[in-house]
């Protein structure tokens, strides 16, 4: 493991990003995880393999995950429409 030096403002911002990731993922997130996330975002990578450990058993491709999420959202919309009697919930 290596050490890197950052000024206080950068450390504070990195801590804030790590906190947001931790809240979103509901998992502990290290500075290393936050830096990897930022690198992937900077490089424009849309592959979620770096975050896969945070999702437990998720072993699907990002496209498959998006498809499954779209199906779940459509099912939820149908349930809400049935419950409220109005389209879209």
C-alpha atoms as a PDB file:
ATOM      1  CA  UNK A   1       0.000   0.000   0.000  1.00  0.00           C
ATOM      2  CA  UNK A   2       1.182   3.510  -0.819  1.00  0.00           C
ATOM      3  CA  UNK A   3       0.580   6.832   0.828  1.00  0.00           C
ATOM      4  CA  UNK A   4      -0.375   9.947  -1.099  1.00  0.00           C
ATOM      5  CA  UNK A   5      -0.399  13.525   0.119  1.00  0.00           C
ATOM      6  CA  UNK A   6      -3.379  15.770  -0.465  1.00  0.00           C
ATOM      7  CA  UNK A   7      -4.252  19.145   0.938  1.00  0.00           C
ATOM      8  CA  UNK A   8      -7.014  19.503   3.524  1.00  0.00           C
ATOM      9  CA  UNK A   9      -9.643  20.695   1.041  1.00  0.00           C
ATOM     10  CA  UNK A  10      -9.026  17.711  -1.272  1.00  0.00           C
ATOM     11  CA  UNK A  11      -9.158  15.319   1.682  1.00  0.00           C
ATOM     12  CA  UNK A  12     -12.439  16.860   2.817  1.00  0.00           C
ATOM     13  CA  UNK A  13     -13.981  16.563  -0.660  1.00  0.00           C
ATOM     14  CA  UNK A  14     -12.797  12.973  -1.011  1.00  0.00           C
ATOM     15  CA  UNK A  15     -14.305  12.170   2.382  1.00  0.00           C
ATOM     16  CA  UNK A  16     -17.590  13.736   1.229  1.00  0.00           C
ATOM     17  CA  UNK A  17     -17.595  11.644  -1.959  1.00  0.00           C
ATOM     18  CA  UNK A  18     -16.798   8.494   0.009  1.00  0.00           C
ATOM     19  CA  UNK A  19     -19.659   9.320   2.369  1.00  0.00           C
ATOM     20  CA  UNK A  20     -22.097   9.737  -0.510  1.00  0.00           C
ATOM     21  CA  UNK A  21     -20.982   6.452  -2.054  1.00  0.00           C
ATOM     22  CA  UNK A  22     -21.336   4.747   1.310  1.00  0.00           C
ATOM     23  CA  UNK A  23     -24.872   6.114   1.705  1.00  0.00           C
ATOM     24  CA  UNK A  24     -25.842   5.079  -1.832  1.00  0.00           C
ATOM     25  CA  UNK A  25     -24.305   1.622  -1.606  1.00  0.00           C
ATOM     26  CA  UNK A  26     -25.160   1.021   2.055  1.00  0.00           C
ATOM     27  CA  UNK A  27     -21.680  -0.477   2.474  1.00  0.00           C
ATOM     28  CA  UNK A  28     -18.445   0.729   4.015  1.00  0.00           C
ATOM     29  CA  UNK A  29     -16.392   2.662   1.457  1.00  0.00           C
ATOM     30  CA  UNK A  30     -12.689   3.405   1.730  1.00  0.00           C
ATOM     31  CA  UNK A  31     -10.769   6.306   0.244  1.00  0.00           C
ATOM     32  CA  UNK A  32      -9.380   3.759  -2.226  1.00  0.00           C
ATOM     33  CA  UNK A  33     -12.934   2.839  -3.320  1.00  0.00           C
ATOM     34  CA  UNK A  34     -13.802   6.525  -3.739  1.00  0.00           C
ATOM     35  CA  UNK A  35     -10.663   7.176  -5.796  1.00  0.00           C
ATOM     36  CA  UNK A  36     -11.396   4.151  -8.028  1.00  0.00           C
ATOM     37  CA  UNK A  37     -14.932   5.444  -8.537  1.00  0.00           C
ATOM     38  CA  UNK A  38     -13.626   8.896  -9.499  1.00  0.00           C
ATOM     39  CA  UNK A  39     -11.076   7.403 -11.904  1.00  0.00           C
ATOM     40  CA  UNK A  40     -13.771   5.310 -13.581  1.00  0.00           C
ATOM     41  CA  UNK A  41     -16.019   8.364 -13.854  1.00  0.00           C
ATOM     42  CA  UNK A  42     -13.173  10.437 -15.300  1.00  0.00           C
ATOM     43  CA  UNK A  43     -12.312   7.759 -17.833  1.00  0.00           C
ATOM     44  CA  UNK A  44     -15.980   7.478 -18.776  1.00  0.00           C
ATOM     45  CA  UNK A  45     -16.189   3.814 -17.943  1.00  0.00           C
ATOM     46  CA  UNK A  46     -19.731   2.589 -17.718  1.00  0.00           C
ATOM     47  CA  UNK A  47     -18.789  -0.838 -16.485  1.00  0.00           C
ATOM     48  CA  UNK A  48     -19.736  -1.509 -12.914  1.00  0.00           C
ATOM     49  CA  UNK A  49     -17.198  -4.254 -12.237  1.00  0.00           C
ATOM     50  CA  UNK A  50     -15.300  -2.048  -9.761  1.00  0.00           C
ATOM     51  CA  UNK A  51     -18.478  -1.650  -7.706  1.00  0.00           C
ATOM     52  CA  UNK A  52     -19.681  -5.251  -8.135  1.00  0.00           C
ATOM     53  CA  UNK A  53     -18.465  -6.308  -4.648  1.00  0.00           C
ATOM     54  CA  UNK A  54     -20.889  -3.786  -3.164  1.00  0.00           C
ATOM     55  CA  UNK A  55     -23.835  -5.455  -4.863  1.00  0.00           C
ATOM     56  CA  UNK A  56     -23.380  -8.934  -3.399  1.00  0.00           C
ATOM     57  CA  UNK A  57     -24.561 -11.524  -5.895  1.00  0.00           C
ATOM     58  CA  UNK A  58     -24.957  -9.175  -8.857  1.00  0.00           C
ATOM     59  CA  UNK A  59     -23.130 -10.943 -11.685  1.00  0.00           C
ATOM     60  CA  UNK A  60     -25.041  -9.532 -14.650  1.00  0.00           C
ATOM     61  CA  UNK A  61     -23.721  -7.223 -17.333  1.00  0.00           C
ATOM     62  CA  UNK A  62     -24.640  -3.537 -17.005  1.00  0.00           C
ATOM     63  CA  UNK A  63     -27.026  -3.886 -19.978  1.00  0.00           C
ATOM     64  CA  UNK A  64     -28.769  -6.845 -18.336  1.00  0.00           C
ATOM     65  CA  UNK A  65     -29.036  -4.930 -15.059  1.00  0.00           C
ATOM     66  CA  UNK A  66     -30.577  -1.951 -16.868  1.00  0.00           C
ATOM     67  CA  UNK A  67     -33.085  -4.266 -18.589  1.00  0.00           C
ATOM     68  CA  UNK A  68     -34.046  -5.897 -15.295  1.00  0.00           C
ATOM     69  CA  UNK A  69     -34.434  -2.519 -13.604  1.00  0.00           C
ATOM     70  CA  UNK A  70     -36.652  -1.300 -16.443  1.00  0.00           C
ATOM     71  CA  UNK A  71     -38.853  -4.388 -16.007  1.00  0.00           C
ATOM     72  CA  UNK A  72     -39.095  -3.818 -12.263  1.00  0.00           C
ATOM     73  CA  UNK A  73     -39.981  -0.142 -12.774  1.00  0.00           C
ATOM     74  CA  UNK A  74     -42.704  -1.090 -15.283  1.00  0.00           C
ATOM     75  CA  UNK A  75     -44.159  -3.604 -12.820  1.00  0.00           C
ATOM     76  CA  UNK A  76     -44.094  -0.989 -10.061  1.00  0.00           C
ATOM     77  CA  UNK A  77     -45.846   1.525 -12.324  1.00  0.00           C
ATOM     78  CA  UNK A  78     -48.581  -1.040 -13.014  1.00  0.00           C
ATOM     79  CA  UNK A  79     -49.015  -1.675  -9.282  1.00  0.00           C
ATOM     80  CA  UNK A  80     -49.212   2.048  -8.537  1.00  0.00           C
ATOM     81  CA  UNK A  81     -51.684   2.590 -11.362  1.00  0.00           C
ATOM     82  CA  UNK A  82     -53.861  -0.215 -10.009  1.00  0.00           C
ATOM     83  CA  UNK A  83     -53.629   1.206  -6.489  1.00  0.00           C
ATOM     84  CA  UNK A  84     -54.270   4.859  -7.362  1.00  0.00           C
ATOM     85  CA  UNK A  85     -56.380   4.395 -10.463  1.00  0.00           C
ATOM     86  CA  UNK A  86     -54.197   6.889 -12.312  1.00  0.00           C
ATOM     87  CA  UNK A  87     -51.531   6.279 -14.959  1.00  0.00           C
ATOM     88  CA  UNK A  88     -47.954   6.553 -13.684  1.00  0.00           C
ATOM     89  CA  UNK A  89     -48.911   6.154 -10.024  1.00  0.00           C
END
